[in-house]
Amino acid sequence: MIELIKKAFYTGLGAAELTREKVEDLARELADKGKVSESEIKKFVDEMLDKSQERKDQLMKQFEKMIEEALKKMNLASRDDLDALEKRLAEKIRKAREKGADE
């Protein structure tokens, strides 16, 4: 019975949309109907919340990758590019000051 409910959650709501409240509500409903034991409920809630967090993390990684690819296509300077440019400019300014002090 629990396996069937897990599959329904994964396909119906989507694991990323699960909240503790949703999972606990479903678990209570099942317990009220006598379909599952208290230990099964706790295990079910914990497992569903873990899966939900895993899916959220996966979605965030995919989103970050998409943004990174879009920025590359836009040919914008990265933080590393700007840092390197700043270092080069600081070095040129330092050298120009040294040269000016020598004259």
C-alpha atoms as a PDB file:
ATOM      1  CA  MET A   1       0.000   0.000   0.000  1.00  0.00           C
ATOM      2  CA  ILE A   2       2.782   2.445   0.927  1.00  0.00           C
ATOM      3  CA  GLU A   3       4.592   1.730  -2.347  1.00  0.00           C
ATOM      4  CA  LEU A   4       1.475   2.553  -4.337  1.00  0.00           C
ATOM      5  CA  ILE A   5       1.081   5.855  -2.488  1.00  0.00           C
ATOM      6  CA  LYS A   6       4.752   6.713  -3.050  1.00  0.00           C
ATOM      7  CA  LYS A   7       4.327   6.178  -6.769  1.00  0.00           C
ATOM      8  CA  ALA A   8       1.226   8.354  -6.776  1.00  0.00           C
ATOM      9  CA  PHE A   9       3.103  11.126  -5.023  1.00  0.00           C
ATOM     10  CA  TYR A  10       6.042  10.942  -7.394  1.00  0.00           C
ATOM     11  CA  THR A  11       3.868  11.096 -10.494  1.00  0.00           C
ATOM     12  CA  GLY A  12       0.916  13.164  -9.291  1.00  0.00           C
ATOM     13  CA  LEU A  13       2.284  15.934  -7.147  1.00  0.00           C
ATOM     14  CA  GLY A  14       5.906  15.735  -8.130  1.00  0.00           C
ATOM     15  CA  ALA A  15       8.520  15.096  -5.485  1.00  0.00           C
ATOM     16  CA  ALA A  16       9.682  18.716  -5.540  1.00  0.00           C
ATOM     17  CA  GLU A  17       6.264  19.937  -4.430  1.00  0.00           C
ATOM     18  CA  LEU A  18       6.003  17.867  -1.288  1.00  0.00           C
ATOM     19  CA  THR A  19       5.801  19.672   2.008  1.00  0.00           C
ATOM     20  CA  ARG A  20       5.816  18.219   5.469  1.00  0.00           C
ATOM     21  CA  GLU A  21       2.182  19.228   5.879  1.00  0.00           C
ATOM     22  CA  LYS A  22       1.038  17.488   2.683  1.00  0.00           C
ATOM     23  CA  VAL A  23       2.875  14.298   3.538  1.00  0.00           C
ATOM     24  CA  GLU A  24       1.671  14.257   7.137  1.00  0.00           C
ATOM     25  CA  ASP A  25      -1.917  14.906   6.039  1.00  0.00           C
ATOM     26  CA  LEU A  26      -1.841  11.933   3.699  1.00  0.00           C
ATOM     27  CA  ALA A  27      -0.172   9.760   6.325  1.00  0.00           C
ATOM     28  CA  ARG A  28      -2.824  10.713   8.913  1.00  0.00           C
ATOM     29  CA  GLU A  29      -5.571   9.947   6.437  1.00  0.00           C
ATOM     30  CA  LEU A  30      -4.108   6.504   5.826  1.00  0.00           C
ATOM     31  CA  ALA A  31      -3.667   5.902   9.551  1.00  0.00           C
ATOM     32  CA  ASP A  32      -7.285   6.906  10.210  1.00  0.00           C
ATOM     33  CA  LYS A  33      -8.393   4.331   7.675  1.00  0.00           C
ATOM     34  CA  GLY A  34      -6.217   1.722   9.371  1.00  0.00           C
ATOM     35  CA  LYS A  35      -4.165   1.149   6.239  1.00  0.00           C
ATOM     36  CA  VAL A  36      -0.733   1.714   7.800  1.00  0.00           C
ATOM     37  CA  SER A  37       0.943   1.549  11.186  1.00  0.00           C
ATOM     38  CA  GLU A  38       2.496   4.473  13.072  1.00  0.00           C
ATOM     39  CA  SER A  39       6.029   3.267  12.312  1.00  0.00           C
ATOM     40  CA  GLU A  40       5.175   3.049   8.616  1.00  0.00           C
ATOM     41  CA  ILE A  41       3.778   6.576   8.750  1.00  0.00           C
ATOM     42  CA  LYS A  42       6.950   8.007  10.266  1.00  0.00           C
ATOM     43  CA  LYS A  43       9.110   6.163   7.762  1.00  0.00           C
ATOM     44  CA  PHE A  44       6.861   7.301   4.916  1.00  0.00           C
ATOM     45  CA  VAL A  45       6.942  10.964   5.981  1.00  0.00           C
ATOM     46  CA  ASP A  46      10.723  10.970   6.391  1.00  0.00           C
ATOM     47  CA  GLU A  47      11.298   9.229   3.073  1.00  0.00           C
ATOM     48  CA  MET A  48       8.946  11.514   1.157  1.00  0.00           C
ATOM     49  CA  LEU A  49      10.552  14.634   2.618  1.00  0.00           C
ATOM     50  CA  ASP A  50      14.036  13.346   1.796  1.00  0.00           C
ATOM     51  CA  LYS A  51      12.988  12.629  -1.785  1.00  0.00           C
ATOM     52  CA  SER A  52      11.383  16.043  -2.037  1.00  0.00           C
ATOM     53  CA  GLN A  53      14.583  17.756  -0.903  1.00  0.00           C
ATOM     54  CA  GLU A  54      16.666  15.689  -3.324  1.00  0.00           C
ATOM     55  CA  ARG A  55      14.409  16.711  -6.197  1.00  0.00           C
ATOM     56  CA  LYS A  56      14.552  20.371  -5.201  1.00  0.00           C
ATOM     57  CA  ASP A  57      18.353  20.178  -5.125  1.00  0.00           C
ATOM     58  CA  GLN A  58      18.383  18.565  -8.584  1.00  0.00           C
ATOM     59  CA  LEU A  59      16.109  21.241  -9.977  1.00  0.00           C
ATOM     60  CA  MET A  60      18.288  23.995  -8.502  1.00  0.00           C
ATOM     61  CA  LYS A  61      21.404  22.504 -10.111  1.00  0.00           C
ATOM     62  CA  GLN A  62      19.622  22.304 -13.469  1.00  0.00           C
ATOM     63  CA  PHE A  63      18.447  25.887 -13.119  1.00  0.00           C
ATOM     64  CA  GLU A  64      21.949  27.119 -12.256  1.00  0.00           C
ATOM     65  CA  LYS A  65      23.381  25.258 -15.247  1.00  0.00           C
ATOM     66  CA  MET A  66      20.802  26.805 -17.575  1.00  0.00           C
ATOM     67  CA  ILE A  67      21.610  30.291 -16.296  1.00  0.00           C
ATOM     68  CA  GLU A  68      25.334  29.689 -16.639  1.00  0.00           C
ATOM     69  CA  GLU A  69      24.887  28.521 -20.245  1.00  0.00           C
ATOM     70  CA  ALA A  70      22.697  31.521 -21.060  1.00  0.00           C
ATOM     71  CA  LEU A  71      25.295  33.914 -19.649  1.00  0.00           C
ATOM     72  CA  LYS A  72      28.038  32.242 -21.696  1.00  0.00           C
ATOM     73  CA  LYS A  73      25.968  32.685 -24.852  1.00  0.00           C
ATOM     74  CA  MET A  74      25.559  36.359 -24.003  1.00  0.00           C
ATOM     75  CA  ASN A  75      29.368  36.635 -23.908  1.00  0.00           C
ATOM     76  CA  LEU A  76      29.370  38.546 -20.612  1.00  0.00           C
ATOM     77  CA  ALA A  77      32.470  38.863 -18.462  1.00  0.00           C
ATOM     78  CA  SER A  78      32.549  36.493 -15.512  1.00  0.00           C
ATOM     79  CA  ARG A  79      33.610  37.383 -11.970  1.00  0.00           C
ATOM     80  CA  ASP A  80      36.950  35.686 -12.665  1.00  0.00           C
ATOM     81  CA  ASP A  81      37.402  37.754 -15.843  1.00  0.00           C
ATOM     82  CA  LEU A  82      36.728  40.966 -13.935  1.00  0.00           C
ATOM     83  CA  ASP A  83      39.086  39.984 -11.102  1.00  0.00           C
ATOM     84  CA  ALA A  84      41.875  39.235 -13.586  1.00  0.00           C
ATOM     85  CA  LEU A  85      41.295  42.556 -15.336  1.00  0.00           C
ATOM     86  CA  GLU A  86      41.371  44.390 -12.021  1.00  0.00           C
ATOM     87  CA  LYS A  87      44.712  42.777 -11.124  1.00  0.00           C
ATOM     88  CA  ARG A  88      46.197  43.700 -14.520  1.00  0.00           C
ATOM     89  CA  LEU A  89      45.006  47.275 -14.180  1.00  0.00           C
ATOM     90  CA  ALA A  90      46.381  47.586 -10.643  1.00  0.00           C
ATOM     91  CA  GLU A  91      49.753  46.290 -11.875  1.00  0.00           C
ATOM     92  CA  LYS A  92      49.836  48.793 -14.753  1.00  0.00           C
ATOM     93  CA  ILE A  93      48.975  51.648 -12.373  1.00  0.00           C
ATOM     94  CA  ARG A  94      51.705  50.538  -9.967  1.00  0.00           C
ATOM     95  CA  LYS A  95      54.263  50.388 -12.792  1.00  0.00           C
ATOM     96  CA  ALA A  96      53.185  53.811 -14.119  1.00  0.00           C
ATOM     97  CA  ARG A  97      53.612  55.326 -10.626  1.00  0.00           C
ATOM     98  CA  GLU A  98      57.056  53.744 -10.277  1.00  0.00           C
ATOM     99  CA  LYS A  99      58.070  55.045 -13.675  1.00  0.00           C
ATOM    100  CA  GLY A 100      56.790  58.514 -12.790  1.00  0.00           C
ATOM    101  CA  ALA A 101      58.716  58.513  -9.507  1.00  0.00           C
ATOM    102  CA  ASP A 102      61.941  57.570 -11.331  1.00  0.00           C
ATOM    103  CA  GLU A 103      61.760  60.587 -13.651  1.00  0.00           C
END
